Amino acid sequence: MKVTRTVIADVMVIEPKVFGDARGFFVESFNQKIFNEMTGTQFDFVQDNHSRSSKGVLRGLHYQLPPHAQGKLVRVTRGAVWDVAVDMRQGSSTFGQWVAETLTENNHKQFWIPPGFAHGFVVLSDTADFLYKTTAYYAPQSDRGIAWNDADIGIQWPDLGVDFLLSDKDQKQPAFKDAQVFAA
């Protein structure tokens, strides 16, 4: 496994070893011990989620506040997405900054987004299967979000030649300046 820190050091790109031949491939998609050693973290994962979306579907930007803050280890098993993390940790040197990574069924990359970050993605391919492990259970009372197109954050979403499709909830998320954030 290869781990690369992004410009926001706590967010990491993980590239598992892929063993392929004429029959296909094998990849160990997760190993708790190796994940902890390679990332220098001590998180346990408690829930796995799977979504399927079509091209132009944008999900996010979501996060959960303490005591139910979630870290997410995300990957794509079919298709391609452009995945984004936004630092919501007030007092952090990267507060309000974002980082993104393209995740595809062929590159097998995973994106580690620790607690304290908002997360979202847009589907680049005709369809995409998106899987993610979380470090805390879903807790509606702690569920929060920010507007995907907030001008203060300035995420440069890819131009797909189609309008993004968002849920009602995601169309109504507050601006970053009005959102609840993680205390310093």
C-alpha atoms as a PDB file:
ATOM      1  CA  MET A   1       0.000   0.000   0.000  1.00  0.00           C
ATOM      2  CA  LYS A   2       1.169   3.508  -0.823  1.00  0.00           C
ATOM      3  CA  VAL A   3      -0.058   6.488   1.205  1.00  0.00           C
ATOM      4  CA  THR A   4       0.348  10.047  -0.087  1.00  0.00           C
ATOM      5  CA  ARG A   5      -0.546  13.093   1.977  1.00  0.00           C
ATOM      6  CA  THR A   6      -2.385  15.807   0.071  1.00  0.00           C
ATOM      7  CA  VAL A   7      -1.814  19.562   0.451  1.00  0.00           C
ATOM      8  CA  ILE A   8      -4.056  19.201   3.509  1.00  0.00           C
ATOM      9  CA  ALA A   9      -1.781  16.751   5.311  1.00  0.00           C
ATOM     10  CA  ASP A  10      -4.485  14.912   7.287  1.00  0.00           C
ATOM     11  CA  VAL A  11      -6.309  13.966   4.066  1.00  0.00           C
ATOM     12  CA  MET A  12      -4.545  11.106   2.294  1.00  0.00           C
ATOM     13  CA  VAL A  13      -4.662   9.186  -0.961  1.00  0.00           C
ATOM     14  CA  ILE A  14      -4.220   5.456  -0.452  1.00  0.00           C
ATOM     15  CA  GLU A  15      -3.169   3.184  -3.292  1.00  0.00           C
ATOM     16  CA  PRO A  16      -3.475  -0.504  -2.422  1.00  0.00           C
ATOM     17  CA  LYS A  17      -1.334  -3.100  -4.176  1.00  0.00           C
ATOM     18  CA  VAL A  18      -3.138  -4.535  -7.180  1.00  0.00           C
ATOM     19  CA  PHE A  19      -2.185  -7.966  -8.478  1.00  0.00           C
ATOM     20  CA  GLY A  20      -3.396  -8.444 -12.031  1.00  0.00           C
ATOM     21  CA  ASP A  21      -3.030 -10.896 -14.871  1.00  0.00           C
ATOM     22  CA  ALA A  22      -5.036 -12.167 -17.844  1.00  0.00           C
ATOM     23  CA  ARG A  23      -7.751 -13.429 -15.452  1.00  0.00           C
ATOM     24  CA  GLY A  24      -8.403 -10.032 -13.857  1.00  0.00           C
ATOM     25  CA  PHE A  25      -7.075  -8.621 -10.597  1.00  0.00           C
ATOM     26  CA  PHE A  26      -6.942  -9.087  -6.835  1.00  0.00           C
ATOM     27  CA  VAL A  27      -6.685  -6.265  -4.322  1.00  0.00           C
ATOM     28  CA  GLU A  28      -6.871  -6.278  -0.544  1.00  0.00           C
ATOM     29  CA  SER A  29      -9.147  -3.261  -0.254  1.00  0.00           C
ATOM     30  CA  PHE A  30      -8.784  -2.851   3.510  1.00  0.00           C
ATOM     31  CA  ASN A  31      -6.623  -4.092   6.353  1.00  0.00           C
ATOM     32  CA  GLN A  32      -7.080  -2.294   9.705  1.00  0.00           C
ATOM     33  CA  LYS A  33      -3.531  -2.941  10.950  1.00  0.00           C
ATOM     34  CA  ILE A  34      -1.874  -1.759   7.724  1.00  0.00           C
ATOM     35  CA  PHE A  35      -4.215   1.260   7.473  1.00  0.00           C
ATOM     36  CA  ASN A  36      -3.294   2.367  11.015  1.00  0.00           C
ATOM     37  CA  GLU A  37       0.440   1.857  10.426  1.00  0.00           C
ATOM     38  CA  MET A  38       0.532   3.601   7.046  1.00  0.00           C
ATOM     39  CA  THR A  39      -1.645   6.586   8.008  1.00  0.00           C
ATOM     40  CA  GLY A  40      -0.374   6.979  11.575  1.00  0.00           C
ATOM     41  CA  THR A  41      -3.969   6.955  12.834  1.00  0.00           C
ATOM     42  CA  GLN A  42      -5.906   4.786  15.277  1.00  0.00           C
ATOM     43  CA  PHE A  43      -9.420   4.825  13.863  1.00  0.00           C
ATOM     44  CA  ASP A  44     -11.745   1.838  13.840  1.00  0.00           C
ATOM     45  CA  PHE A  45     -14.420   1.574  11.174  1.00  0.00           C
ATOM     46  CA  VAL A  46     -17.987   0.740  12.235  1.00  0.00           C
ATOM     47  CA  GLN A  47     -20.145   1.124   9.128  1.00  0.00           C
ATOM     48  CA  ASP A  48     -19.854   0.460   5.385  1.00  0.00           C
ATOM     49  CA  ASN A  49     -22.019   2.336   2.864  1.00  0.00           C
ATOM     50  CA  HIS A  50     -22.570   1.886  -0.871  1.00  0.00           C
ATOM     51  CA  SER A  51     -24.212   4.311  -3.278  1.00  0.00           C
ATOM     52  CA  ARG A  52     -24.841   4.125  -7.019  1.00  0.00           C
ATOM     53  CA  SER A  53     -25.276   7.323  -8.970  1.00  0.00           C
ATOM     54  CA  SER A  54     -25.406   8.481 -12.567  1.00  0.00           C
ATOM     55  CA  LYS A  55     -23.282  11.052 -14.381  1.00  0.00           C
ATOM     56  CA  GLY A  56     -23.596  14.547 -12.959  1.00  0.00           C
ATOM     57  CA  VAL A  57     -25.007  13.467  -9.592  1.00  0.00           C
ATOM     58  CA  LEU A  58     -23.351  15.574  -6.906  1.00  0.00           C
ATOM     59  CA  ARG A  59     -23.599  14.357  -3.305  1.00  0.00           C
ATOM     60  CA  GLY A  60     -22.450  16.638  -0.531  1.00  0.00           C
ATOM     61  CA  LEU A  61     -20.906  18.422   1.106  1.00  0.00           C
ATOM     62  CA  HIS A  62     -21.685  16.464   4.304  1.00  0.00           C
ATOM     63  CA  TYR A  63     -20.174  15.962   7.753  1.00  0.00           C
ATOM     64  CA  GLN A  64     -21.181  15.027  11.282  1.00  0.00           C
ATOM     65  CA  LEU A  65     -20.377  17.054  14.375  1.00  0.00           C
ATOM     66  CA  PRO A  66     -19.038  15.543  17.617  1.00  0.00           C
ATOM     67  CA  PRO A  67     -19.749  13.351  19.422  1.00  0.00           C
ATOM     68  CA  HIS A  68     -20.577  11.518  16.183  1.00  0.00           C
ATOM     69  CA  ALA A  69     -17.912  12.990  13.893  1.00  0.00           C
ATOM     70  CA  GLN A  70     -17.102  10.611  11.048  1.00  0.00           C
ATOM     71  CA  GLY A  71     -13.900   9.816   9.280  1.00  0.00           C
ATOM     72  CA  LYS A  72     -14.459   8.271   5.844  1.00  0.00           C
ATOM     73  CA  LEU A  73     -12.359   5.936   3.740  1.00  0.00           C
ATOM     74  CA  VAL A  74     -13.886   6.138   0.256  1.00  0.00           C
ATOM     75  CA  ARG A  75     -13.374   4.304  -3.036  1.00  0.00           C
ATOM     76  CA  VAL A  76     -15.051   3.554  -6.356  1.00  0.00           C
ATOM     77  CA  THR A  77     -15.695   0.011  -7.608  1.00  0.00           C
ATOM     78  CA  ARG A  78     -17.456   0.970 -10.840  1.00  0.00           C
ATOM     79  CA  GLY A  79     -17.063   4.150 -12.849  1.00  0.00           C
ATOM     80  CA  ALA A  80     -15.348   7.349 -11.758  1.00  0.00           C
ATOM     81  CA  VAL A  81     -15.953  10.228  -9.349  1.00  0.00           C
ATOM     82  CA  TRP A  82     -14.240  13.450  -8.429  1.00  0.00           C
ATOM     83  CA  ASP A  83     -14.076  13.400  -4.628  1.00  0.00           C
ATOM     84  CA  VAL A  84     -13.706  16.485  -2.410  1.00  0.00           C
ATOM     85  CA  ALA A  85     -12.816  17.158   1.241  1.00  0.00           C
ATOM     86  CA  VAL A  86     -13.192  20.579   2.926  1.00  0.00           C
ATOM     87  CA  ASP A  87     -11.471  21.388   6.229  1.00  0.00           C
ATOM     88  CA  MET A  88     -14.144  22.366   8.786  1.00  0.00           C
ATOM     89  CA  ARG A  89     -11.738  22.506  11.780  1.00  0.00           C
ATOM     90  CA  GLN A  90     -11.772  26.055  13.115  1.00  0.00           C
ATOM     91  CA  GLY A  91      -8.238  27.024  14.081  1.00  0.00           C
ATOM     92  CA  SER A  92      -6.643  24.666  11.574  1.00  0.00           C
ATOM     93  CA  SER A  93      -4.072  26.236   9.250  1.00  0.00           C
ATOM     94  CA  THR A  94      -6.129  24.855   6.344  1.00  0.00           C
ATOM     95  CA  PHE A  95      -9.590  25.824   7.685  1.00  0.00           C
ATOM     96  CA  GLY A  96     -11.978  26.379   4.767  1.00  0.00           C
ATOM     97  CA  GLN A  97      -9.585  24.921   2.201  1.00  0.00           C
ATOM     98  CA  TRP A  98     -10.413  21.967  -0.039  1.00  0.00           C
ATOM     99  CA  VAL A  99      -8.616  19.128  -1.755  1.00  0.00           C
ATOM    100  CA  ALA A 100      -9.877  16.688  -4.390  1.00  0.00           C
ATOM    101  CA  GLU A 101      -8.932  13.385  -5.984  1.00  0.00           C
ATOM    102  CA  THR A 102     -10.271  11.397  -8.943  1.00  0.00           C
ATOM    103  CA  LEU A 103     -11.240   7.893  -7.878  1.00  0.00           C
ATOM    104  CA  THR A 104     -11.925   5.239 -10.507  1.00  0.00           C
ATOM    105  CA  GLU A 105     -12.552   1.535 -10.794  1.00  0.00           C
ATOM    106  CA  ASN A 106      -9.221   1.278 -12.655  1.00  0.00           C
ATOM    107  CA  ASN A 107      -6.917   3.344 -10.439  1.00  0.00           C
ATOM    108  CA  HIS A 108      -8.210   1.657  -7.227  1.00  0.00           C
ATOM    109  CA  LYS A 109      -7.319   4.802  -5.253  1.00  0.00           C
ATOM    110  CA  GLN A 110      -8.926   5.420  -1.881  1.00  0.00           C
ATOM    111  CA  PHE A 111      -9.348   8.769  -0.168  1.00  0.00           C
ATOM    112  CA  TRP A 112      -8.994   9.045   3.631  1.00  0.00           C
ATOM    113  CA  ILE A 113     -11.054  11.949   4.954  1.00  0.00           C
ATOM    114  CA  PRO A 114     -10.656  12.258   8.737  1.00  0.00           C
ATOM    115  CA  PRO A 115     -13.258  13.622  11.164  1.00  0.00           C
ATOM    116  CA  GLY A 116     -13.510  17.399  10.903  1.00  0.00           C
ATOM    117  CA  PHE A 117     -13.949  17.517   7.133  1.00  0.00           C
ATOM    118  CA  ALA A 118     -16.975  17.974   4.896  1.00  0.00           C
ATOM    119  CA  HIS A 119     -17.122  15.484   2.053  1.00  0.00           C
ATOM    120  CA  GLY A 120     -18.753  15.321  -1.343  1.00  0.00           C
ATOM    121  CA  PHE A 121     -18.330  13.961  -4.839  1.00  0.00           C
ATOM    122  CA  VAL A 122     -19.607  14.293  -8.398  1.00  0.00           C
ATOM    123  CA  VAL A 123     -19.956  11.342 -10.772  1.00  0.00           C
ATOM    124  CA  LEU A 124     -17.799  11.614 -13.900  1.00  0.00           C
ATOM    125  CA  SER A 125     -18.837   8.363 -15.643  1.00  0.00           C
ATOM    126  CA  ASP A 126     -22.222   7.148 -16.874  1.00  0.00           C
ATOM    127  CA  THR A 127     -22.713   5.456 -13.483  1.00  0.00           C
ATOM    128  CA  ALA A 128     -20.543   4.951 -10.426  1.00  0.00           C
ATOM    129  CA  ASP A 129     -20.609   2.659  -7.421  1.00  0.00           C
ATOM    130  CA  PHE A 130     -19.149   4.526  -4.451  1.00  0.00           C
ATOM    131  CA  LEU A 131     -18.180   2.668  -1.264  1.00  0.00           C
ATOM    132  CA  TYR A 132     -17.146   4.177   2.020  1.00  0.00           C
ATOM    133  CA  LYS A 133     -16.230   3.035   5.470  1.00  0.00           C
ATOM    134  CA  THR A 134     -17.029   5.333   8.403  1.00  0.00           C
ATOM    135  CA  THR A 135     -15.507   5.679  11.863  1.00  0.00           C
ATOM    136  CA  ALA A 136     -18.861   6.551  13.475  1.00  0.00           C
ATOM    137  CA  TYR A 137     -22.438   5.495  12.873  1.00  0.00           C
ATOM    138  CA  TYR A 138     -24.791   7.806  11.033  1.00  0.00           C
ATOM    139  CA  ALA A 139     -26.405  10.132  13.597  1.00  0.00           C
ATOM    140  CA  PRO A 140     -29.120  12.424  12.171  1.00  0.00           C
ATOM    141  CA  GLN A 141     -28.843  14.843  15.113  1.00  0.00           C
ATOM    142  CA  SER A 142     -25.177  15.484  14.224  1.00  0.00           C
ATOM    143  CA  ASP A 143     -25.648  15.567  10.447  1.00  0.00           C
ATOM    144  CA  ARG A 144     -24.564  18.857   8.843  1.00  0.00           C
ATOM    145  CA  GLY A 145     -23.618  20.192   5.437  1.00  0.00           C
ATOM    146  CA  ILE A 146     -22.402  23.173   3.477  1.00  0.00           C
ATOM    147  CA  ALA A 147     -23.304  24.460   0.039  1.00  0.00           C
ATOM    148  CA  TRP A 148     -21.447  22.627  -2.713  1.00  0.00           C
ATOM    149  CA  ASN A 149     -20.936  25.881  -4.651  1.00  0.00           C
ATOM    150  CA  ASP A 150     -19.980  28.199  -1.782  1.00  0.00           C
ATOM    151  CA  ALA A 151     -18.006  31.138  -3.193  1.00  0.00           C
ATOM    152  CA  ASP A 152     -15.849  31.476  -0.046  1.00  0.00           C
ATOM    153  CA  ILE A 153     -14.582  27.918  -0.463  1.00  0.00           C
ATOM    154  CA  GLY A 154     -14.312  28.156  -4.258  1.00  0.00           C
ATOM    155  CA  ILE A 155     -14.285  24.481  -5.214  1.00  0.00           C
ATOM    156  CA  GLN A 156     -13.461  24.162  -8.911  1.00  0.00           C
ATOM    157  CA  TRP A 157     -15.908  21.379  -9.830  1.00  0.00           C
ATOM    158  CA  PRO A 158     -15.221  19.713 -13.188  1.00  0.00           C
ATOM    159  CA  ASP A 159     -17.283  20.769 -16.193  1.00  0.00           C
ATOM    160  CA  LEU A 160     -19.151  17.651 -17.295  1.00  0.00           C
ATOM    161  CA  GLY A 161     -21.270  19.267 -19.968  1.00  0.00           C
ATOM    162  CA  VAL A 162     -24.409  18.460 -17.947  1.00  0.00           C
ATOM    163  CA  ASP A 163     -26.171  20.176 -15.050  1.00  0.00           C
ATOM    164  CA  PHE A 164     -25.365  18.687 -11.660  1.00  0.00           C
ATOM    165  CA  LEU A 165     -28.179  16.751 -10.033  1.00  0.00           C
ATOM    166  CA  LEU A 166     -28.500  17.343  -6.278  1.00  0.00           C
ATOM    167  CA  SER A 167     -30.941  16.195  -3.630  1.00  0.00           C
ATOM    168  CA  ASP A 168     -33.337  18.742  -2.129  1.00  0.00           C
ATOM    169  CA  LYS A 169     -31.284  18.586   1.066  1.00  0.00           C
ATOM    170  CA  ASP A 170     -28.026  19.373  -0.762  1.00  0.00           C
ATOM    171  CA  GLN A 171     -29.611  22.264  -2.678  1.00  0.00           C
ATOM    172  CA  LYS A 172     -30.501  23.916   0.654  1.00  0.00           C
ATOM    173  CA  GLN A 173     -27.246  23.551   2.605  1.00  0.00           C
ATOM    174  CA  PRO A 174     -25.957  26.718   4.317  1.00  0.00           C
ATOM    175  CA  ALA A 175     -23.017  28.823   3.244  1.00  0.00           C
ATOM    176  CA  PHE A 176     -19.658  27.988   4.805  1.00  0.00           C
ATOM    177  CA  LYS A 177     -19.706  31.227   6.833  1.00  0.00           C
ATOM    178  CA  ASP A 178     -23.041  30.193   8.408  1.00  0.00           C
ATOM    179  CA  ALA A 179     -22.229  26.525   9.005  1.00  0.00           C
ATOM    180  CA  GLN A 180     -21.479  24.893  12.311  1.00  0.00           C
ATOM    181  CA  VAL A 181     -17.807  23.947  12.390  1.00  0.00           C
ATOM    182  CA  PHE A 182     -15.504  21.876  14.547  1.00  0.00           C
ATOM    183  CA  ALA A 183     -14.223  23.835  17.557  1.00  0.00           C
ATOM    184  CA  ALA A 184     -10.536  24.643  17.764  1.00  0.00           C
END
